[in-house]
C-alpha atoms as a PDB file:
ATOM      1  CA  MET A   1     160.816  82.427 -87.876  1.00  0.00           C
ATOM      2  CA  VAL A   2     158.494  80.247 -89.928  1.00  0.00           C
ATOM      3  CA  MET A   3     155.917  83.062 -90.131  1.00  0.00           C
ATOM      4  CA  ILE A   4     158.531  85.497 -91.449  1.00  0.00           C
ATOM      5  CA  LYS A   5     159.522  83.043 -94.192  1.00  0.00           C
ATOM      6  CA  ILE A   6     155.869  82.566 -95.185  1.00  0.00           C
ATOM      7  CA  TYR A   7     155.370  86.349 -95.312  1.00  0.00           C
ATOM      8  CA  LEU A   8     158.443  86.821 -97.528  1.00  0.00           C
ATOM      9  CA  LEU A   9     157.293  84.063 -99.862  1.00  0.00           C
ATOM     10  CA  LEU A  10     153.858  85.694-100.193  1.00  0.00           C
ATOM     11  CA  VAL A  11     155.445  89.083-100.976  1.00  0.00           C
ATOM     12  CA  LEU A  12     157.657  87.542-103.652  1.00  0.00           C
ATOM     13  CA  TYR A  13     154.670  85.667-105.124  1.00  0.00           C
ATOM     14  CA  PHE A  14     152.475  88.772-105.435  1.00  0.00           C
ATOM     15  CA  GLN A  15     155.353  90.748-106.945  1.00  0.00           C
ATOM     16  CA  TYR A  16     155.698  88.032-109.576  1.00  0.00           C
ATOM     17  CA  VAL A  17     151.958  88.042-110.299  1.00  0.00           C
ATOM     18  CA  LEU A  18     151.877  91.830-110.674  1.00  0.00           C
ATOM     19  CA  SER A  19     154.935  91.896-112.916  1.00  0.00           C
ATOM     20  CA  SER A  20     153.528  89.237-115.237  1.00  0.00           C
ATOM     21  CA  ALA A  21     149.979  90.585-115.341  1.00  0.00           C
ATOM     22  CA  ILE A  22     148.587  91.991-118.560  1.00  0.00           C
ATOM     23  CA  LYS A  23     148.995  95.774-118.681  1.00  0.00           C
ATOM     24  CA  PHE A  24     146.382  97.845-120.507  1.00  0.00           C
ATOM     25  CA  PRO A  25     147.581 101.089-122.120  1.00  0.00           C
ATOM     26  CA  THR A  26     146.222 104.350-120.773  1.00  0.00           C
ATOM     27  CA  VAL A  27     143.767 105.736-123.300  1.00  0.00           C
ATOM     28  CA  ASP A  28     142.814 109.413-123.446  1.00  0.00           C
ATOM     29  CA  PRO A  29     139.009 109.421-123.943  1.00  0.00           C
ATOM     30  CA  PHE A  30     139.298 112.758-125.765  1.00  0.00           C
ATOM     31  CA  PRO A  31     142.419 112.601-127.954  1.00  0.00           C
ATOM     32  CA  THR A  32     143.616 115.748-129.689  1.00  0.00           C
ATOM     33  CA  GLU A  33     146.049 114.167-132.141  1.00  0.00           C
ATOM     34  CA  CYS A  34     145.174 111.532-134.716  1.00  0.00           C
ATOM     35  CA  LYS A  35     146.240 109.915-137.975  1.00  0.00           C
ATOM     36  CA  LEU A  36     144.365 109.897-141.270  1.00  0.00           C
ATOM     37  CA  PRO A  37     144.085 106.793-143.518  1.00  0.00           C
ATOM     38  CA  ASP A  38     147.074 108.055-145.546  1.00  0.00           C
ATOM     39  CA  LYS A  39     149.158 108.117-142.304  1.00  0.00           C
ATOM     40  CA  THR A  40     149.339 111.927-142.201  1.00  0.00           C
ATOM     41  CA  ARG A  41     148.891 113.640-138.840  1.00  0.00           C
ATOM     42  CA  GLY A  42     145.720 115.445-137.940  1.00  0.00           C
ATOM     43  CA  THR A  43     143.784 117.090-135.115  1.00  0.00           C
ATOM     44  CA  CYS A  44     140.493 115.892-133.630  1.00  0.00           C
ATOM     45  CA  ILE A  45     137.914 118.640-134.092  1.00  0.00           C
ATOM     46  CA  ASN A  46     134.155 118.964-134.462  1.00  0.00           C
ATOM     47  CA  LEU A  47     132.960 117.596-137.801  1.00  0.00           C
ATOM     48  CA  LEU A  48     131.238 120.885-138.618  1.00  0.00           C
ATOM     49  CA  TYR A  49     134.553 122.733-138.583  1.00  0.00           C
ATOM     50  CA  CYS A  50     136.531 120.403-140.832  1.00  0.00           C
ATOM     51  CA  PRO A  51     135.416 121.235-144.397  1.00  0.00           C
ATOM     52  CA  ALA A  52     137.492 118.390-145.852  1.00  0.00           C
ATOM     53  CA  ALA A  53     135.648 115.838-143.702  1.00  0.00           C
ATOM     54  CA  LEU A  54     132.253 117.315-144.528  1.00  0.00           C
ATOM     55  CA  THR A  55     132.634 116.266-148.158  1.00  0.00           C
ATOM     56  CA  ALA A  56     134.930 113.238-147.790  1.00  0.00           C
ATOM     57  CA  LYS A  57     133.643 109.729-148.479  1.00  0.00           C
ATOM     58  CA  ASN A  58     135.743 108.194-145.708  1.00  0.00           C
ATOM     59  CA  ILE A  59     136.350 109.988-142.430  1.00  0.00           C
ATOM     60  CA  THR A  60     138.306 109.027-139.326  1.00  0.00           C
ATOM     61  CA  LEU A  61     136.125 109.358-136.243  1.00  0.00           C
ATOM     62  CA  CYS A  62     138.006 110.338-133.072  1.00  0.00           C
ATOM     63  CA  TYR A  63     135.128 110.247-130.608  1.00  0.00           C
ATOM     64  CA  THR A  64     131.551 111.366-130.001  1.00  0.00           C
ATOM     65  CA  GLU A  65     130.557 113.816-127.281  1.00  0.00           C
ATOM     66  CA  LYS A  66     126.988 114.961-126.594  1.00  0.00           C
ATOM     67  CA  ASP A  67     125.777 113.712-129.998  1.00  0.00           C
ATOM     68  CA  GLU A  68     128.537 115.670-131.758  1.00  0.00           C
ATOM     69  CA  GLN A  69     131.138 113.879-133.859  1.00  0.00           C
ATOM     70  CA  TYR A  70     134.828 114.779-133.605  1.00  0.00           C
ATOM     71  CA  VAL A  71     136.846 113.725-136.634  1.00  0.00           C
ATOM     72  CA  CYS A  72     140.484 113.687-137.681  1.00  0.00           C
ATOM     73  CA  CYS A  73     141.209 116.836-139.682  1.00  0.00           C
ATOM     74  CA  LYS A  74     144.443 117.251-141.641  1.00  0.00           C
ATOM     75  CA  ASN A  75     146.855 119.626-139.897  1.00  0.00           C
ATOM     76  CA  ASP A  76     148.817 121.088-142.776  1.00  0.00           C
ATOM     77  CA  LEU A  77     145.621 121.944-144.648  1.00  0.00           C
ATOM     78  CA  TRP A  78     143.834 123.836-141.904  1.00  0.00           C
ATOM     79  CA  GLY A  79     146.761 125.044-139.796  1.00  0.00           C
ATOM     80  CA  ASP A  80     146.390 125.858-136.129  1.00  0.00           C
ATOM     81  CA  ILE A  81     142.856 124.802-135.247  1.00  0.00           C
ATOM     82  CA  LYS A  82     141.484 125.851-131.891  1.00  0.00           C
ATOM     83  CA  PRO A  83     138.017 125.528-130.336  1.00  0.00           C
ATOM     84  CA  ARG A  84     135.758 128.533-130.902  1.00  0.00           C
ATOM     85  CA  ARG A  85     133.399 129.872-128.249  1.00  0.00           C
ATOM     86  CA  ILE A  86     131.193 131.335-130.971  1.00  0.00           C
ATOM     87  CA  THR A  87     130.085 127.848-132.034  1.00  0.00           C
ATOM     88  CA  GLY A  88     127.024 126.307-130.469  1.00  0.00           C
ATOM     89  CA  ASP A  89     123.427 125.520-131.374  1.00  0.00           C
ATOM     90  CA  CYS A  90     123.099 126.872-134.877  1.00  0.00           C
ATOM     91  CA  GLY A  91     122.024 125.964-138.364  1.00  0.00           C
ATOM     92  CA  VAL A  92     119.226 123.688-137.136  1.00  0.00           C
ATOM     93  CA  PRO A  93     116.026 124.266-139.137  1.00  0.00           C
ATOM     94  CA  ARG A  94     112.744 124.629-137.271  1.00  0.00           C
ATOM     95  CA  TYR A  95     109.671 122.773-138.438  1.00  0.00           C
ATOM     96  CA  GLU A  96     105.978 122.947-137.739  1.00  0.00           C
ATOM     97  CA  ILE A  97     103.349 120.365-138.561  1.00  0.00           C
ATOM     98  CA  VAL A  98     100.480 121.449-140.801  1.00  0.00           C
ATOM     99  CA  HIS A  99      97.796 118.854-141.532  1.00  0.00           C
ATOM    100  CA  GLY A 100     100.250 116.062-140.802  1.00  0.00           C
ATOM    101  CA  LEU A 101     102.894 117.302-143.246  1.00  0.00           C
ATOM    102  CA  GLN A 102     106.315 118.540-142.211  1.00  0.00           C
ATOM    103  CA  THR A 103     107.014 121.963-143.745  1.00  0.00           C
ATOM    104  CA  VAL A 104     110.000 124.266-143.387  1.00  0.00           C
ATOM    105  CA  TYR A 105     108.920 127.077-141.069  1.00  0.00           C
ATOM    106  CA  ARG A 106     111.434 129.606-142.421  1.00  0.00           C
ATOM    107  CA  GLU A 107     114.099 128.987-145.002  1.00  0.00           C
ATOM    108  CA  PHE A 108     116.347 131.682-143.500  1.00  0.00           C
ATOM    109  CA  PRO A 109     115.227 132.077-139.847  1.00  0.00           C
ATOM    110  CA  TYR A 110     118.458 133.900-138.975  1.00  0.00           C
ATOM    111  CA  MET A 111     117.930 136.675-141.548  1.00  0.00           C
ATOM    112  CA  ALA A 112     117.631 140.139-140.018  1.00  0.00           C
ATOM    113  CA  ALA A 113     116.325 143.423-141.421  1.00  0.00           C
ATOM    114  CA  LEU A 114     117.698 146.621-139.845  1.00  0.00           C
ATOM    115  CA  GLY A 115     115.096 149.355-139.385  1.00  0.00           C
ATOM    116  CA  TRP A 116     115.316 153.114-138.853  1.00  0.00           C
ATOM    117  CA  ASP A 117     112.520 155.324-137.504  1.00  0.00           C
ATOM    118  CA  SER A 118     110.402 156.502-140.407  1.00  0.00           C
ATOM    119  CA  MET A 119     110.384 160.243-141.112  1.00  0.00           C
ATOM    120  CA  PHE A 120     106.872 160.036-142.532  1.00  0.00           C
ATOM    121  CA  GLU A 121     104.859 157.919-140.105  1.00  0.00           C
ATOM    122  CA  ALA A 122     105.443 157.605-136.361  1.00  0.00           C
ATOM    123  CA  GLY A 123     105.797 154.079-135.037  1.00  0.00           C
ATOM    124  CA  THR A 124     106.904 152.663-138.377  1.00  0.00           C
ATOM    125  CA  TYR A 125     110.351 151.777-139.667  1.00  0.00           C
ATOM    126  CA  ASP A 126     112.290 151.950-142.900  1.00  0.00           C
ATOM    127  CA  TYR A 127     114.310 148.779-143.423  1.00  0.00           C
ATOM    128  CA  LYS A 128     117.501 149.673-145.267  1.00  0.00           C
ATOM    129  CA  CYS A 129     120.088 146.998-144.408  1.00  0.00           C
ATOM    130  CA  GLY A 130     120.365 143.321-143.642  1.00  0.00           C
ATOM    131  CA  GLY A 131     122.168 141.211-141.077  1.00  0.00           C
ATOM    132  CA  ALA A 132     122.338 137.727-139.586  1.00  0.00           C
ATOM    133  CA  LEU A 133     121.542 136.372-136.126  1.00  0.00           C
ATOM    134  CA  ILE A 134     124.709 134.641-134.879  1.00  0.00           C
ATOM    135  CA  MET A 135     123.928 134.307-131.158  1.00  0.00           C
ATOM    136  CA  ASN A 136     120.735 134.593-129.128  1.00  0.00           C
ATOM    137  CA  ASN A 137     120.741 138.394-129.078  1.00  0.00           C
ATOM    138  CA  TYR A 138     123.534 139.451-131.447  1.00  0.00           C
ATOM    139  CA  ILE A 139     123.262 140.460-135.095  1.00  0.00           C
ATOM    140  CA  LEU A 140     126.265 140.559-137.408  1.00  0.00           C
ATOM    141  CA  THR A 141     126.065 143.189-140.146  1.00  0.00           C
ATOM    142  CA  ALA A 142     128.192 145.616-142.157  1.00  0.00           C
ATOM    143  CA  ALA A 143     129.864 148.541-140.376  1.00  0.00           C
ATOM    144  CA  HIS A 144     128.479 151.003-142.912  1.00  0.00           C
ATOM    145  CA  CYS A 145     124.992 149.801-141.917  1.00  0.00           C
ATOM    146  CA  ALA A 146     125.628 150.582-138.247  1.00  0.00           C
ATOM    147  CA  MET A 147     125.292 154.292-138.971  1.00  0.00           C
ATOM    148  CA  LEU A 148     123.222 155.797-141.809  1.00  0.00           C
ATOM    149  CA  ASN A 149     122.988 159.579-142.074  1.00  0.00           C
ATOM    150  CA  GLY A 150     124.424 159.815-138.584  1.00  0.00           C
ATOM    151  CA  LEU A 151     121.832 157.508-137.032  1.00  0.00           C
ATOM    152  CA  PRO A 152     122.139 153.891-135.843  1.00  0.00           C
ATOM    153  CA  PRO A 153     119.346 151.390-136.555  1.00  0.00           C
ATOM    154  CA  SER A 154     116.474 151.533-134.074  1.00  0.00           C
ATOM    155  CA  VAL A 155     115.124 148.011-134.428  1.00  0.00           C
ATOM    156  CA  VAL A 156     115.819 144.663-136.042  1.00  0.00           C
ATOM    157  CA  LEU A 157     113.264 142.312-137.578  1.00  0.00           C
ATOM    158  CA  VAL A 158     114.489 138.704-137.340  1.00  0.00           C
ATOM    159  CA  GLY A 159     113.078 135.612-138.983  1.00  0.00           C
ATOM    160  CA  GLY A 160     113.323 136.044-142.725  1.00  0.00           C
ATOM    161  CA  THR A 161     109.614 136.726-143.078  1.00  0.00           C
ATOM    162  CA  ASN A 162     107.779 139.335-145.119  1.00  0.00           C
ATOM    163  CA  LEU A 163     108.562 142.840-143.860  1.00  0.00           C
ATOM    164  CA  THR A 164     104.847 143.527-143.477  1.00  0.00           C
ATOM    165  CA  ASP A 165     104.165 140.373-141.437  1.00  0.00           C
ATOM    166  CA  SER A 166     102.307 141.680-138.370  1.00  0.00           C
ATOM    167  CA  ALA A 167     103.039 138.485-136.428  1.00  0.00           C
ATOM    168  CA  ASN A 168     106.764 139.220-136.454  1.00  0.00           C
ATOM    169  CA  LYS A 169     107.577 142.069-134.076  1.00  0.00           C
ATOM    170  CA  PRO A 170     110.738 144.200-134.361  1.00  0.00           C
ATOM    171  CA  ILE A 171     113.225 144.124-131.468  1.00  0.00           C
ATOM    172  CA  LYS A 172     115.026 147.216-130.175  1.00  0.00           C
ATOM    173  CA  VAL A 173     118.768 147.631-130.702  1.00  0.00           C
ATOM    174  CA  THR A 174     120.541 148.422-127.412  1.00  0.00           C
ATOM    175  CA  GLN A 175     124.167 148.558-128.541  1.00  0.00           C
ATOM    176  CA  VAL A 176     126.042 149.132-131.814  1.00  0.00           C
ATOM    177  CA  ILE A 177     129.700 148.070-132.102  1.00  0.00           C
ATOM    178  CA  ARG A 178     131.622 148.795-135.291  1.00  0.00           C
ATOM    179  CA  HIS A 179     135.017 147.225-135.899  1.00  0.00           C
ATOM    180  CA  PRO A 180     137.703 149.599-134.544  1.00  0.00           C
ATOM    181  CA  LEU A 181     139.683 149.521-137.816  1.00  0.00           C
ATOM    182  CA  TYR A 182     136.713 150.467-140.000  1.00  0.00           C
ATOM    183  CA  LYS A 183     136.967 153.804-141.817  1.00  0.00           C
ATOM    184  CA  PRO A 184     133.868 155.129-143.638  1.00  0.00           C
ATOM    185  CA  LYS A 185     135.855 156.254-146.692  1.00  0.00           C
ATOM    186  CA  LEU A 186     137.358 152.789-147.143  1.00  0.00           C
ATOM    187  CA  SER A 187     135.752 149.387-147.655  1.00  0.00           C
ATOM    188  CA  TYR A 188     137.978 147.381-145.326  1.00  0.00           C
ATOM    189  CA  HIS A 189     136.851 145.880-141.980  1.00  0.00           C
ATOM    190  CA  ASP A 190     133.227 146.521-142.934  1.00  0.00           C
ATOM    191  CA  ILE A 191     131.727 144.577-140.055  1.00  0.00           C
ATOM    192  CA  ALA A 192     129.666 145.420-136.956  1.00  0.00           C
ATOM    193  CA  LEU A 193     127.696 143.805-134.148  1.00  0.00           C
ATOM    194  CA  LEU A 194     124.266 144.835-132.893  1.00  0.00           C
ATOM    195  CA  LYS A 195     123.071 143.786-129.459  1.00  0.00           C
ATOM    196  CA  LEU A 196     119.321 143.313-129.132  1.00  0.00           C
ATOM    197  CA  GLU A 197     117.061 144.083-126.190  1.00  0.00           C
ATOM    198  CA  LYS A 198     115.915 140.460-126.119  1.00  0.00           C
ATOM    199  CA  SER A 199     116.500 137.219-127.961  1.00  0.00           C
ATOM    200  CA  PRO A 200     114.303 136.583-131.015  1.00  0.00           C
ATOM    201  CA  ALA A 201     112.464 133.300-131.490  1.00  0.00           C
ATOM    202  CA  ALA A 202     114.797 132.178-134.249  1.00  0.00           C
ATOM    203  CA  ASP A 203     117.762 129.885-134.728  1.00  0.00           C
ATOM    204  CA  PRO A 204     121.202 131.490-135.172  1.00  0.00           C
ATOM    205  CA  LEU A 205     123.290 130.962-138.271  1.00  0.00           C
ATOM    206  CA  CYS A 206     126.487 128.927-137.884  1.00  0.00           C
ATOM    207  CA  ILE A 207     129.739 130.754-138.630  1.00  0.00           C
ATOM    208  CA  TRP A 208     132.348 129.298-140.961  1.00  0.00           C
ATOM    209  CA  THR A 209     135.513 129.679-138.894  1.00  0.00           C
ATOM    210  CA  LEU A 210     138.144 128.689-141.472  1.00  0.00           C
ATOM    211  CA  TYR A 211     139.647 130.724-144.301  1.00  0.00           C
ATOM    212  CA  ALA A 212     139.335 127.918-146.859  1.00  0.00           C
ATOM    213  CA  MET A 213     135.888 126.859-148.064  1.00  0.00           C
ATOM    214  CA  ASP A 214     134.853 123.441-149.298  1.00  0.00           C
ATOM    215  CA  ASP A 215     132.614 124.781-152.070  1.00  0.00           C
ATOM    216  CA  VAL A 216     132.502 127.741-154.441  1.00  0.00           C
ATOM    217  CA  ASN A 217     128.713 127.891-154.529  1.00  0.00           C
ATOM    218  CA  VAL A 218     127.117 130.314-152.081  1.00  0.00           C
ATOM    219  CA  THR A 219     123.792 132.097-151.570  1.00  0.00           C
ATOM    220  CA  ALA A 220     123.193 135.792-150.921  1.00  0.00           C
ATOM    221  CA  VAL A 221     120.017 136.806-149.088  1.00  0.00           C
ATOM    222  CA  GLY A 222     118.331 140.173-148.651  1.00  0.00           C
ATOM    223  CA  TYR A 223     115.339 142.467-148.986  1.00  0.00           C
ATOM    224  CA  GLY A 224     117.220 144.725-151.386  1.00  0.00           C
ATOM    225  CA  HIS A 225     116.451 146.398-154.648  1.00  0.00           C
ATOM    226  CA  THR A 226     115.286 144.050-157.388  1.00  0.00           C
ATOM    227  CA  GLN A 227     117.018 146.256-159.928  1.00  0.00           C
ATOM    228  CA  PHE A 228     119.448 149.165-159.891  1.00  0.00           C
ATOM    229  CA  ALA A 229     117.743 152.280-158.434  1.00  0.00           C
ATOM    230  CA  GLY A 230     114.550 150.234-158.037  1.00  0.00           C
ATOM    231  CA  THR A 231     112.290 149.771-155.028  1.00  0.00           C
ATOM    232  CA  ASN A 232     112.890 147.326-152.201  1.00  0.00           C
ATOM    233  CA  SER A 233     111.141 143.988-152.016  1.00  0.00           C
ATOM    234  CA  GLU A 234     108.906 143.287-149.015  1.00  0.00           C
ATOM    235  CA  SER A 235     109.652 139.586-149.441  1.00  0.00           C
ATOM    236  CA  LEU A 236     113.010 138.003-148.748  1.00  0.00           C
ATOM    237  CA  LEU A 237     115.010 137.348-151.905  1.00  0.00           C
ATOM    238  CA  LYS A 238     117.938 135.044-152.583  1.00  0.00           C
ATOM    239  CA  THR A 239     120.417 134.583-155.386  1.00  0.00           C
ATOM    240  CA  HIS A 240     122.910 131.796-156.016  1.00  0.00           C
ATOM    241  CA  LEU A 241     126.473 132.944-156.621  1.00  0.00           C
ATOM    242  CA  SER A 242     129.947 131.548-157.214  1.00  0.00           C
ATOM    243  CA  ILE A 243     133.086 132.588-155.343  1.00  0.00           C
ATOM    244  CA  VAL A 244     135.549 134.690-157.340  1.00  0.00           C
ATOM    245  CA  THR A 245     139.222 134.532-156.356  1.00  0.00           C
ATOM    246  CA  ASN A 246     140.601 137.632-154.662  1.00  0.00           C
ATOM    247  CA  ARG A 247     143.172 137.997-157.436  1.00  0.00           C
ATOM    248  CA  ASP A 248     140.503 138.069-160.155  1.00  0.00           C
ATOM    249  CA  CYS A 249     138.300 140.334-158.068  1.00  0.00           C
ATOM    250  CA  THR A 250     141.125 142.836-157.556  1.00  0.00           C
ATOM    251  CA  ARG A 251     141.412 143.223-161.338  1.00  0.00           C
ATOM    252  CA  HIS A 252     137.739 144.219-161.465  1.00  0.00           C
ATOM    253  CA  TYR A 253     138.269 146.885-158.809  1.00  0.00           C
ATOM    254  CA  SER A 254     141.659 148.274-159.812  1.00  0.00           C
ATOM    255  CA  GLY A 255     141.666 152.023-159.227  1.00  0.00           C
ATOM    256  CA  GLU A 256     138.767 151.859-156.756  1.00  0.00           C
ATOM    257  CA  ILE A 257     139.256 154.727-154.290  1.00  0.00           C
ATOM    258  CA  SER A 258     137.801 152.770-151.376  1.00  0.00           C
ATOM    259  CA  LEU A 259     140.159 149.842-152.073  1.00  0.00           C
ATOM    260  CA  PRO A 260     143.664 151.343-152.283  1.00  0.00           C
ATOM    261  CA  GLU A 261     145.210 147.965-151.406  1.00  0.00           C
ATOM    262  CA  GLY A 262     142.920 145.918-153.634  1.00  0.00           C
ATOM    263  CA  ILE A 263     140.807 143.071-152.282  1.00  0.00           C
ATOM    264  CA  ALA A 264     142.268 142.084-148.898  1.00  0.00           C
ATOM    265  CA  ASP A 265     142.387 138.662-147.230  1.00  0.00           C
ATOM    266  CA  THR A 266     139.616 139.933-144.956  1.00  0.00           C
ATOM    267  CA  GLN A 267     137.292 140.133-147.970  1.00  0.00           C
ATOM    268  CA  LEU A 268     135.855 137.779-150.573  1.00  0.00           C
ATOM    269  CA  CYS A 269     133.975 138.213-153.839  1.00  0.00           C
ATOM    270  CA  ALA A 270     131.078 136.392-155.488  1.00  0.00           C
ATOM    271  CA  LYS A 271     128.927 136.655-158.611  1.00  0.00           C
ATOM    272  CA  ASP A 272     126.419 134.771-160.747  1.00  0.00           C
ATOM    273  CA  PHE A 273     128.104 134.692-164.144  1.00  0.00           C
ATOM    274  CA  GLU A 274     125.169 133.031-165.901  1.00  0.00           C
ATOM    275  CA  ARG A 275     122.403 135.442-164.944  1.00  0.00           C
ATOM    276  CA  GLN A 276     124.674 138.448-164.368  1.00  0.00           C
ATOM    277  CA  SER A 277     123.251 139.017-160.903  1.00  0.00           C
ATOM    278  CA  ASP A 278     124.872 140.065-157.669  1.00  0.00           C
ATOM    279  CA  THR A 279     123.578 141.792-154.561  1.00  0.00           C
ATOM    280  CA  CYS A 280     122.114 145.285-154.689  1.00  0.00           C
ATOM    281  CA  GLN A 281     122.485 148.327-152.456  1.00  0.00           C
ATOM    282  CA  GLY A 282     119.623 147.391-150.154  1.00  0.00           C
ATOM    283  CA  ASP A 283     121.220 144.032-149.436  1.00  0.00           C
ATOM    284  CA  SER A 284     124.109 145.657-147.532  1.00  0.00           C
ATOM    285  CA  GLY A 285     124.951 143.791-144.345  1.00  0.00           C
ATOM    286  CA  GLY A 286     123.049 140.706-145.439  1.00  0.00           C
ATOM    287  CA  PRO A 287     124.563 137.214-145.146  1.00  0.00           C
ATOM    288  CA  LEU A 288     126.483 135.247-147.743  1.00  0.00           C
ATOM    289  CA  ILE A 289     125.710 131.616-146.974  1.00  0.00           C
ATOM    290  CA  LEU A 290     127.581 128.391-147.658  1.00  0.00           C
ATOM    291  CA  ARG A 291     125.654 125.140-147.369  1.00  0.00           C
ATOM    292  CA  SER A 292     127.767 122.116-146.503  1.00  0.00           C
ATOM    293  CA  THR A 293     126.560 118.517-146.348  1.00  0.00           C
ATOM    294  CA  SER A 294     128.167 115.944-144.065  1.00  0.00           C
ATOM    295  CA  PRO A 295     128.803 112.344-145.211  1.00  0.00           C
ATOM    296  CA  GLN A 296     125.736 111.421-143.165  1.00  0.00           C
ATOM    297  CA  GLY A 297     123.632 113.683-145.387  1.00  0.00           C
ATOM    298  CA  VAL A 298     123.090 116.444-142.813  1.00  0.00           C
ATOM    299  CA  GLU A 299     123.093 119.880-144.442  1.00  0.00           C
ATOM    300  CA  THR A 300     124.253 122.854-142.378  1.00  0.00           C
ATOM    301  CA  ALA A 301     124.153 126.527-143.338  1.00  0.00           C
ATOM    302  CA  PHE A 302     127.227 128.636-142.553  1.00  0.00           C
ATOM    303  CA  LEU A 303     127.814 132.378-142.627  1.00  0.00           C
ATOM    304  CA  VAL A 304     130.921 133.045-144.741  1.00  0.00           C
ATOM    305  CA  GLY A 305     130.443 136.675-145.731  1.00  0.00           C
ATOM    306  CA  ILE A 306     128.613 139.937-145.079  1.00  0.00           C
ATOM    307  CA  THR A 307     127.536 142.021-148.042  1.00  0.00           C
ATOM    308  CA  SER A 308     129.789 145.073-148.206  1.00  0.00           C
ATOM    309  CA  PHE A 309     129.429 146.682-151.634  1.00  0.00           C
ATOM    310  CA  GLY A 310     129.312 146.186-155.389  1.00  0.00           C
ATOM    311  CA  SER A 311     129.210 148.174-158.577  1.00  0.00           C
ATOM    312  CA  GLY A 312     125.458 147.804-158.876  1.00  0.00           C
ATOM    313  CA  CYS A 313     122.871 145.123-159.528  1.00  0.00           C
ATOM    314  CA  GLY A 314     123.755 142.585-162.181  1.00  0.00           C
ATOM    315  CA  PHE A 315     126.692 144.549-163.532  1.00  0.00           C
ATOM    316  CA  GLU A 316     129.959 142.985-164.659  1.00  0.00           C
ATOM    317  CA  LYS A 317     131.833 143.364-161.387  1.00  0.00           C
ATOM    318  CA  PRO A 318     131.415 140.809-158.571  1.00  0.00           C
ATOM    319  CA  GLY A 319     129.956 141.788-155.219  1.00  0.00           C
ATOM    320  CA  VAL A 320     132.423 142.302-152.368  1.00  0.00           C
ATOM    321  CA  TYR A 321     131.836 140.722-148.954  1.00  0.00           C
ATOM    322  CA  THR A 322     133.526 140.869-145.568  1.00  0.00           C
ATOM    323  CA  ARG A 323     135.129 137.466-144.873  1.00  0.00           C
ATOM    324  CA  VAL A 324     133.681 136.577-141.467  1.00  0.00           C
ATOM    325  CA  SER A 325     136.256 133.886-140.618  1.00  0.00           C
ATOM    326  CA  GLN A 326     138.903 136.602-140.294  1.00  0.00           C
ATOM    327  CA  TYR A 327     136.994 138.322-137.482  1.00  0.00           C
ATOM    328  CA  ILE A 328     136.174 135.439-135.130  1.00  0.00           C
ATOM    329  CA  ASP A 329     138.502 136.677-132.378  1.00  0.00           C
ATOM    330  CA  TRP A 330     136.955 140.154-132.496  1.00  0.00           C
ATOM    331  CA  ILE A 331     133.393 138.782-132.500  1.00  0.00           C
ATOM    332  CA  GLU A 332     134.094 136.534-129.512  1.00  0.00           C
ATOM    333  CA  SER A 333     135.794 139.325-127.588  1.00  0.00           C
ATOM    334  CA  ILE A 334     132.701 141.528-127.926  1.00  0.00           C
ATOM    335  CA  ILE A 335     130.060 138.904-127.211  1.00  0.00           C
ATOM    336  CA  PHE A 336     131.724 137.215-124.252  1.00  0.00           C
ATOM    337  CA  GLU A 337     133.113 140.377-122.670  1.00  0.00           C
ATOM    338  CA  ASN A 338     129.505 141.568-122.632  1.00  0.00           C
ATOM    339  CA  ASN A 339     128.729 138.666-120.278  1.00  0.00           C
ATOM    340  CA  TYR A 340     126.910 136.588-122.838  1.00  0.00           C
ATOM    341  CA  ILE A 341     125.429 133.455-121.290  1.00  0.00           C
END
């Protein structure tokens, strides 16, 4: 009887201890919801994909995973944010050491030149369009560049080097995929993917996955004509442009046969109003690049547009570009259904 009483007393004692013990709240190591300093609700996403945080002086850090920072991004500004499979190792510049000095190996290592078999000399190629490396063996370009005179491009030269650089070897194109809604007589959905025979020794360009952009200053890159009806440049050229609103751009292209609905949300426009320069015909398919700097001072290049068309070189009208952020689902469906690893 005494033993039973002792047992009951011990049970009651431990119940008391457990009930009065300090309880620690359960903490999710990877929260999805968060609050900003102004008490508004946000979502924890990768710093690279929250334009507001990239330029903000004060950011709310949610957590760090594999050296990547996840910050609190305002919900009502960016809408329904979801992780993108297309993101990965991108936008990281390569360097090589020359006589002890660090020099940029290639300013635009992701730049691609699309080549067609030359009609005049066997084994050589005519480079007529541009593109951008977005994954190890995928090039993003314009749909109208995926087929010229009934022929797809034969090879792609990746690296942003001189077109006559013998050290940079062209890579064969094994598959051409144009967007299913593209129509040659219209300028909408002017986007295509090229699959390469092998991966080039170059770093892919990051893709801007949101409709809104945190800056109006962008850069267009290409090997195109230096002047209207002029010859192509063997060296890679760049020009700094400013984003033009779709409403203003539509006024420039009112009555354009290829744009019966004006400038769509799947497009964007840009122009250099000071030097009256835009991109030329030979720059078709080339990337429109946005450079964004994080509060830590890390600059990352993002692909925001693909050169579609313009009224000429340096004319009054802005150049028109395919807005890449509107095609992320399509891009991912092609790349990952093709068993990309």
